[in-house]
Amino acid sequence: MMQNRLTAKLVALAVFSAVLAVPVGTSFAAKPGFGNLYYNDTIVRTVVPPASFPNEGVDNFYKVTNGAEGQLGIAAVAPGDTNYHGGHWKVFKVTFNDDVTPYLLTSEAAVMAAESAGDVTVVRVAAEDFLCPIQK
């Protein structure tokens, strides 16, 4: 009898733990596309999952919406730069224009050159600003 109660309690605890774990796993899975970014033609890693901070970005971050395969987000600054503010990203949406075949953009300079060439359109999207520290 004691063994049955102990088994029932363990089963209930396991089910309860599984139910609690599902929302946590889902919240992290809901943030795709982060983990690696381009910074000055190299790939850098994020430190933690991003947190939303609308309209509070300081450092430029470029989100390419229709880029070439392998395109990542692009950070304008990184730790060690005098203008790095801990990953408080000011988001710009970068879209390749219809008559342009997308190619990889791997730095802020490349984004600016593509915009000057008329290959992309860059639009500020303050509602998507976020906090996410990176490491070089």
N, C-alpha and C. Protein backbone atom coordinates (compact mmCIF):
# COMPACT_ATOMS: atom_id res chain seq x y z
N MET A 1 0.83 -1.18 0.00
CA MET A 1 0.00 0.00 0.00
C MET A 1 0.88 1.26 0.00
N MET A 2 1.90 1.29 0.86
CA MET A 2 2.82 2.42 0.94
C MET A 2 3.55 2.60 -0.39
N GLN A 3 3.93 1.49 -1.01
CA GLN A 3 4.64 1.53 -2.29
C GLN A 3 3.76 2.16 -3.37
N ASN A 4 2.47 1.86 -3.39
CA ASN A 4 1.54 2.41 -4.39
C ASN A 4 1.40 3.91 -4.24
N ARG A 5 1.32 4.39 -2.99
CA ARG A 5 1.21 5.82 -2.76
C ARG A 5 2.48 6.55 -3.18
N LEU A 6 3.62 5.97 -2.90
CA LEU A 6 4.89 6.57 -3.29
C LEU A 6 4.99 6.64 -4.81
N THR A 7 4.61 5.56 -5.50
CA THR A 7 4.64 5.53 -6.96
C THR A 7 3.68 6.57 -7.54
N ALA A 8 2.49 6.70 -6.97
CA ALA A 8 1.51 7.68 -7.44
C ALA A 8 2.04 9.10 -7.26
N LYS A 9 2.69 9.36 -6.13
CA LYS A 9 3.26 10.69 -5.89
C LYS A 9 4.38 11.00 -6.88
N LEU A 10 5.21 10.01 -7.16
CA LEU A 10 6.30 10.23 -8.11
C LEU A 10 5.76 10.48 -9.52
N VAL A 11 4.73 9.76 -9.92
CA VAL A 11 4.12 9.97 -11.23
C VAL A 11 3.50 11.36 -11.30
N ALA A 12 2.80 11.77 -10.25
CA ALA A 12 2.19 13.09 -10.23
C ALA A 12 3.24 14.18 -10.29
N LEU A 13 4.34 14.00 -9.57
CA LEU A 13 5.43 14.97 -9.60
C LEU A 13 6.05 15.06 -10.99
N ALA A 14 6.24 13.95 -11.65
CA ALA A 14 6.80 13.93 -13.00
C ALA A 14 5.88 14.65 -13.98
N VAL A 15 4.59 14.40 -13.90
CA VAL A 15 3.63 15.06 -14.79
C VAL A 15 3.61 16.56 -14.54
N PHE A 16 3.58 16.96 -13.28
CA PHE A 16 3.58 18.37 -12.92
C PHE A 16 4.85 19.06 -13.43
N SER A 17 5.99 18.42 -13.28
CA SER A 17 7.26 18.98 -13.77
C SER A 17 7.25 19.14 -15.27
N ALA A 18 6.70 18.18 -15.98
CA ALA A 18 6.64 18.25 -17.45
C ALA A 18 5.74 19.40 -17.89
N VAL A 19 4.64 19.59 -17.20
CA VAL A 19 3.72 20.68 -17.54
C VAL A 19 4.40 22.03 -17.33
N LEU A 20 5.16 22.18 -16.25
CA LEU A 20 5.87 23.43 -16.00
C LEU A 20 6.97 23.68 -17.02
N ALA A 21 7.61 22.65 -17.50
CA ALA A 21 8.72 22.80 -18.44
C ALA A 21 8.26 23.22 -19.82
N VAL A 22 7.07 22.87 -20.24
CA VAL A 22 6.61 23.17 -21.59
C VAL A 22 6.57 24.67 -21.87
N PRO A 23 5.97 25.53 -21.02
CA PRO A 23 5.96 26.95 -21.33
C PRO A 23 7.35 27.57 -21.42
N VAL A 24 8.29 27.13 -20.58
CA VAL A 24 9.64 27.68 -20.63
C VAL A 24 10.29 27.32 -21.95
N GLY A 25 10.20 26.06 -22.36
CA GLY A 25 10.77 25.63 -23.63
C GLY A 25 10.15 26.37 -24.80
N THR A 26 8.86 26.57 -24.77
CA THR A 26 8.18 27.27 -25.85
C THR A 26 8.61 28.72 -25.94
N SER A 27 8.81 29.39 -24.80
CA SER A 27 9.20 30.80 -24.85
C SER A 27 10.57 30.97 -25.49
N PHE A 28 11.51 30.07 -25.22
CA PHE A 28 12.81 30.17 -25.86
C PHE A 28 12.72 29.81 -27.33
N ALA A 29 11.90 28.85 -27.68
CA ALA A 29 11.77 28.44 -29.07
C ALA A 29 11.09 29.51 -29.90
N ALA A 30 10.40 30.43 -29.28
CA ALA A 30 9.68 31.47 -30.01
C ALA A 30 10.59 32.59 -30.49
N LYS A 31 11.89 32.49 -30.27
CA LYS A 31 12.83 33.53 -30.66
C LYS A 31 13.85 32.98 -31.66
N PRO A 32 13.39 32.58 -32.86
CA PRO A 32 14.33 32.01 -33.82
C PRO A 32 15.23 33.07 -34.42
N GLY A 33 16.31 32.62 -35.02
CA GLY A 33 17.18 33.52 -35.75
C GLY A 33 18.26 34.19 -34.92
N PHE A 34 18.34 33.90 -33.65
CA PHE A 34 19.36 34.48 -32.82
C PHE A 34 20.34 33.41 -32.39
N GLY A 35 21.49 33.81 -31.95
CA GLY A 35 22.54 32.88 -31.57
C GLY A 35 23.84 33.27 -32.24
N ASN A 36 23.77 33.62 -33.51
CA ASN A 36 24.93 34.07 -34.27
C ASN A 36 24.55 35.31 -35.08
N LEU A 37 25.51 36.22 -35.21
CA LEU A 37 25.32 37.45 -35.97
C LEU A 37 26.59 37.73 -36.75
N TYR A 38 26.47 38.57 -37.76
CA TYR A 38 27.67 39.08 -38.43
C TYR A 38 28.09 40.38 -37.76
N TYR A 39 29.39 40.53 -37.63
CA TYR A 39 29.98 41.79 -37.18
C TYR A 39 31.30 41.95 -37.94
N ASN A 40 31.40 42.98 -38.75
CA ASN A 40 32.62 43.25 -39.53
C ASN A 40 33.17 42.00 -40.23
N ASP A 41 32.31 41.33 -40.95
CA ASP A 41 32.67 40.18 -41.79
C ASP A 41 33.04 38.92 -41.01
N THR A 42 32.76 38.88 -39.72
CA THR A 42 32.99 37.68 -38.93
C THR A 42 31.68 37.32 -38.21
N ILE A 43 31.59 36.08 -37.77
CA ILE A 43 30.41 35.63 -37.02
C ILE A 43 30.71 35.73 -35.53
N VAL A 44 29.81 36.40 -34.81
CA VAL A 44 29.90 36.51 -33.36
C VAL A 44 28.67 35.85 -32.74
N ARG A 45 28.75 35.55 -31.46
CA ARG A 45 27.66 34.86 -30.77
C ARG A 45 26.93 35.79 -29.81
N THR A 46 25.63 35.50 -29.62
CA THR A 46 24.88 36.21 -28.60
C THR A 46 25.16 35.53 -27.26
N VAL A 47 24.95 36.26 -26.18
CA VAL A 47 25.24 35.76 -24.85
C VAL A 47 23.98 35.16 -24.19
N VAL A 48 22.85 35.81 -24.38
CA VAL A 48 21.59 35.38 -23.78
C VAL A 48 20.48 35.53 -24.82
N PRO A 49 19.32 34.90 -24.59
CA PRO A 49 18.20 35.13 -25.52
C PRO A 49 17.81 36.61 -25.50
N PRO A 50 17.39 37.14 -26.65
CA PRO A 50 17.04 38.56 -26.71
C PRO A 50 15.81 38.91 -25.91
N ALA A 51 15.79 40.12 -25.39
CA ALA A 51 14.64 40.65 -24.66
C ALA A 51 14.15 41.90 -25.40
N SER A 52 12.86 42.04 -25.51
CA SER A 52 12.27 43.18 -26.22
C SER A 52 12.41 44.46 -25.42
N PHE A 53 12.88 45.52 -26.07
CA PHE A 53 12.97 46.84 -25.49
C PHE A 53 12.60 47.86 -26.56
N PRO A 54 11.32 47.89 -26.96
CA PRO A 54 10.90 48.78 -28.06
C PRO A 54 11.29 50.23 -27.84
N ASN A 55 11.73 50.85 -28.92
CA ASN A 55 12.05 52.28 -28.94
C ASN A 55 13.20 52.68 -28.02
N GLU A 56 14.05 51.73 -27.62
CA GLU A 56 15.14 52.06 -26.71
C GLU A 56 16.50 51.68 -27.25
N GLY A 57 16.58 51.34 -28.53
CA GLY A 57 17.85 50.92 -29.11
C GLY A 57 18.85 52.05 -29.23
N VAL A 58 20.13 51.70 -29.13
CA VAL A 58 21.22 52.66 -29.25
C VAL A 58 22.17 52.25 -30.37
N ASP A 59 22.52 50.96 -30.43
CA ASP A 59 23.48 50.46 -31.41
C ASP A 59 22.75 49.88 -32.61
N ASN A 60 23.24 50.19 -33.81
CA ASN A 60 22.57 49.74 -35.03
C ASN A 60 22.63 48.22 -35.20
N PHE A 61 21.48 47.65 -35.54
CA PHE A 61 21.36 46.22 -35.85
C PHE A 61 20.53 46.13 -37.13
N TYR A 62 21.02 45.35 -38.08
CA TYR A 62 20.35 45.22 -39.37
C TYR A 62 19.75 43.83 -39.51
N LYS A 63 18.45 43.79 -39.74
CA LYS A 63 17.70 42.54 -39.90
C LYS A 63 17.34 42.43 -41.38
N VAL A 64 17.97 41.48 -42.08
CA VAL A 64 17.73 41.32 -43.51
C VAL A 64 16.53 40.39 -43.69
N THR A 65 15.51 40.90 -44.37
CA THR A 65 14.24 40.17 -44.46
C THR A 65 14.19 39.17 -45.61
N ASN A 66 14.93 39.40 -46.67
CA ASN A 66 14.86 38.51 -47.82
C ASN A 66 16.25 38.28 -48.40
N GLY A 67 17.20 38.01 -47.53
CA GLY A 67 18.59 37.87 -47.94
C GLY A 67 18.93 36.52 -48.54
N ALA A 68 20.19 36.38 -48.88
CA ALA A 68 20.72 35.14 -49.44
C ALA A 68 20.76 34.06 -48.36
N GLU A 69 20.87 32.82 -48.80
CA GLU A 69 20.98 31.70 -47.85
C GLU A 69 22.19 31.93 -46.94
N GLY A 70 22.00 31.71 -45.65
CA GLY A 70 23.07 31.91 -44.69
C GLY A 70 23.14 33.31 -44.10
N GLN A 71 22.22 34.17 -44.54
CA GLN A 71 22.22 35.53 -44.02
C GLN A 71 21.87 35.54 -42.53
N LEU A 72 22.63 36.27 -41.76
CA LEU A 72 22.38 36.46 -40.33
C LEU A 72 22.11 37.94 -40.09
N GLY A 73 21.66 38.26 -38.89
CA GLY A 73 21.55 39.65 -38.50
C GLY A 73 22.94 40.28 -38.49
N ILE A 74 23.00 41.60 -38.53
CA ILE A 74 24.28 42.29 -38.62
C ILE A 74 24.38 43.31 -37.50
N ALA A 75 25.39 43.16 -36.65
CA ALA A 75 25.65 44.10 -35.57
C ALA A 75 26.65 45.14 -36.05
N ALA A 76 26.40 46.40 -35.74
CA ALA A 76 27.31 47.48 -36.15
C ALA A 76 28.48 47.63 -35.20
N VAL A 77 28.31 47.23 -33.95
CA VAL A 77 29.36 47.34 -32.94
C VAL A 77 29.40 46.07 -32.10
N ALA A 78 30.48 45.91 -31.35
CA ALA A 78 30.65 44.73 -30.50
C ALA A 78 31.50 45.12 -29.28
N PRO A 79 31.57 44.24 -28.28
CA PRO A 79 32.39 44.55 -27.12
C PRO A 79 33.81 44.96 -27.53
N GLY A 80 34.31 45.99 -26.86
CA GLY A 80 35.63 46.52 -27.19
C GLY A 80 35.55 47.78 -28.03
N ASP A 81 34.45 47.96 -28.76
CA ASP A 81 34.23 49.20 -29.51
C ASP A 81 33.81 50.28 -28.52
N THR A 82 34.29 51.49 -28.72
CA THR A 82 33.95 52.57 -27.79
C THR A 82 32.46 52.89 -27.81
N ASN A 83 31.77 52.58 -28.90
CA ASN A 83 30.34 52.90 -29.00
C ASN A 83 29.43 51.71 -28.72
N TYR A 84 29.95 50.62 -28.14
CA TYR A 84 29.11 49.46 -27.81
C TYR A 84 28.43 49.71 -26.47
N HIS A 85 27.11 49.56 -26.44
CA HIS A 85 26.32 49.83 -25.24
C HIS A 85 25.70 48.58 -24.64
N GLY A 86 26.40 47.47 -24.69
CA GLY A 86 25.93 46.24 -24.06
C GLY A 86 24.87 45.48 -24.83
N GLY A 87 24.66 45.81 -26.08
CA GLY A 87 23.68 45.08 -26.89
C GLY A 87 22.28 45.66 -26.85
N HIS A 88 22.16 46.96 -26.69
CA HIS A 88 20.86 47.65 -26.78
C HIS A 88 20.67 48.02 -28.25
N TRP A 89 20.02 47.11 -29.01
CA TRP A 89 19.99 47.21 -30.47
C TRP A 89 18.87 48.07 -31.00
N LYS A 90 19.24 48.93 -31.93
CA LYS A 90 18.35 49.83 -32.67
C LYS A 90 18.14 49.14 -34.03
N VAL A 91 16.96 48.61 -34.27
CA VAL A 91 16.71 47.73 -35.41
C VAL A 91 16.37 48.49 -36.70
N PHE A 92 17.03 48.05 -37.76
CA PHE A 92 16.75 48.52 -39.11
C PHE A 92 16.41 47.30 -39.96
N LYS A 93 15.32 47.36 -40.68
CA LYS A 93 14.93 46.27 -41.58
C LYS A 93 15.58 46.54 -42.94
N VAL A 94 16.28 45.53 -43.46
CA VAL A 94 16.96 45.63 -44.74
C VAL A 94 16.26 44.68 -45.71
N THR A 95 15.81 45.22 -46.83
CA THR A 95 15.08 44.43 -47.82
C THR A 95 15.73 44.60 -49.18
N PHE A 96 16.09 43.47 -49.80
CA PHE A 96 16.63 43.54 -51.16
C PHE A 96 15.51 43.96 -52.10
N ASN A 97 15.81 44.87 -53.00
CA ASN A 97 14.83 45.35 -53.96
C ASN A 97 14.50 44.25 -54.96
N ASP A 98 13.31 44.33 -55.56
CA ASP A 98 12.78 43.27 -56.43
C ASP A 98 13.70 42.87 -57.57
N ASP A 99 14.41 43.81 -58.16
CA ASP A 99 15.24 43.51 -59.33
C ASP A 99 16.66 43.07 -58.97
N VAL A 100 16.92 42.80 -57.68
CA VAL A 100 18.26 42.45 -57.22
C VAL A 100 18.27 41.03 -56.67
N THR A 101 19.25 40.23 -57.11
CA THR A 101 19.45 38.91 -56.53
C THR A 101 20.16 39.09 -55.19
N PRO A 102 19.56 38.62 -54.09
CA PRO A 102 20.17 38.82 -52.77
C PRO A 102 21.57 38.21 -52.67
N TYR A 103 22.43 38.88 -51.93
CA TYR A 103 23.78 38.41 -51.64
C TYR A 103 24.04 38.65 -50.16
N LEU A 104 25.04 37.96 -49.61
CA LEU A 104 25.32 38.09 -48.18
C LEU A 104 25.80 39.50 -47.83
N LEU A 105 25.25 40.01 -46.76
CA LEU A 105 25.69 41.26 -46.16
C LEU A 105 26.27 40.90 -44.80
N THR A 106 27.52 41.26 -44.55
CA THR A 106 28.19 40.78 -43.33
C THR A 106 28.77 41.90 -42.47
N SER A 107 28.41 43.16 -42.78
CA SER A 107 28.88 44.27 -41.96
C SER A 107 27.98 45.48 -42.21
N GLU A 108 28.05 46.44 -41.29
CA GLU A 108 27.29 47.67 -41.48
C GLU A 108 27.77 48.37 -42.76
N ALA A 109 29.07 48.35 -43.03
CA ALA A 109 29.59 48.99 -44.25
C ALA A 109 28.99 48.35 -45.49
N ALA A 110 28.82 47.03 -45.47
CA ALA A 110 28.22 46.33 -46.62
C ALA A 110 26.76 46.73 -46.80
N VAL A 111 26.04 46.89 -45.69
CA VAL A 111 24.64 47.33 -45.77
C VAL A 111 24.57 48.73 -46.37
N MET A 112 25.44 49.64 -45.90
CA MET A 112 25.43 51.01 -46.40
C MET A 112 25.81 51.05 -47.89
N ALA A 113 26.77 50.22 -48.30
CA ALA A 113 27.17 50.16 -49.71
C ALA A 113 26.03 49.63 -50.57
N ALA A 114 25.33 48.60 -50.07
CA ALA A 114 24.19 48.03 -50.82
C ALA A 114 23.07 49.06 -50.94
N GLU A 115 22.85 49.83 -49.89
CA GLU A 115 21.83 50.87 -49.94
C GLU A 115 22.23 51.96 -50.95
N SER A 116 23.49 52.38 -50.92
CA SER A 116 23.98 53.40 -51.85
C SER A 116 23.89 52.93 -53.30
N ALA A 117 24.09 51.63 -53.52
CA ALA A 117 24.02 51.06 -54.87
C ALA A 117 22.59 50.87 -55.34
N GLY A 118 21.63 51.04 -54.44
CA GLY A 118 20.23 50.85 -54.80
C GLY A 118 19.79 49.39 -54.76
N ASP A 119 20.60 48.55 -54.12
CA ASP A 119 20.26 47.12 -54.03
C ASP A 119 19.27 46.81 -52.91
N VAL A 120 19.32 47.60 -51.83
CA VAL A 120 18.45 47.34 -50.68
C VAL A 120 17.77 48.62 -50.24
N THR A 121 16.69 48.43 -49.50
CA THR A 121 16.01 49.52 -48.82
C THR A 121 16.18 49.28 -47.33
N VAL A 122 16.56 50.32 -46.60
CA VAL A 122 16.79 50.22 -45.15
C VAL A 122 15.76 51.10 -44.46
N VAL A 123 15.01 50.50 -43.50
CA VAL A 123 13.95 51.22 -42.80
C VAL A 123 14.12 50.99 -41.30
N ARG A 124 14.05 52.05 -40.53
CA ARG A 124 14.11 51.96 -39.06
C ARG A 124 12.81 51.37 -38.54
N VAL A 125 12.92 50.36 -37.62
CA VAL A 125 11.75 49.72 -37.02
C VAL A 125 11.93 49.75 -35.50
N ALA A 126 11.61 50.88 -34.89
CA ALA A 126 11.84 51.08 -33.45
C ALA A 126 11.07 50.09 -32.59
N ALA A 127 9.93 49.62 -33.05
CA ALA A 127 9.12 48.68 -32.26
C ALA A 127 9.83 47.34 -32.08
N GLU A 128 10.87 47.05 -32.87
CA GLU A 128 11.58 45.78 -32.77
C GLU A 128 12.92 45.90 -32.03
N ASP A 129 13.23 47.05 -31.44
CA ASP A 129 14.47 47.20 -30.68
C ASP A 129 14.52 46.13 -29.59
N PHE A 130 15.74 45.68 -29.28
CA PHE A 130 15.87 44.61 -28.28
C PHE A 130 17.22 44.70 -27.58
N LEU A 131 17.33 43.97 -26.48
CA LEU A 131 18.56 43.86 -25.70
C LEU A 131 19.09 42.45 -25.85
N CYS A 132 20.35 42.33 -26.26
CA CYS A 132 20.97 41.02 -26.41
C CYS A 132 22.49 41.21 -26.51
N PRO A 133 23.22 41.06 -25.42
CA PRO A 133 24.68 41.21 -25.47
C PRO A 133 25.31 40.18 -26.42
N ILE A 134 26.44 40.55 -26.99
CA ILE A 134 27.17 39.63 -27.86
C ILE A 134 28.61 39.50 -27.38
N GLN A 135 29.31 38.52 -27.90
CA GLN A 135 30.73 38.36 -27.59
C GLN A 135 31.49 38.13 -28.88
N LYS A 136 32.67 38.69 -28.95
CA LYS A 136 33.52 38.52 -30.14
C LYS A 136 34.37 37.28 -29.98
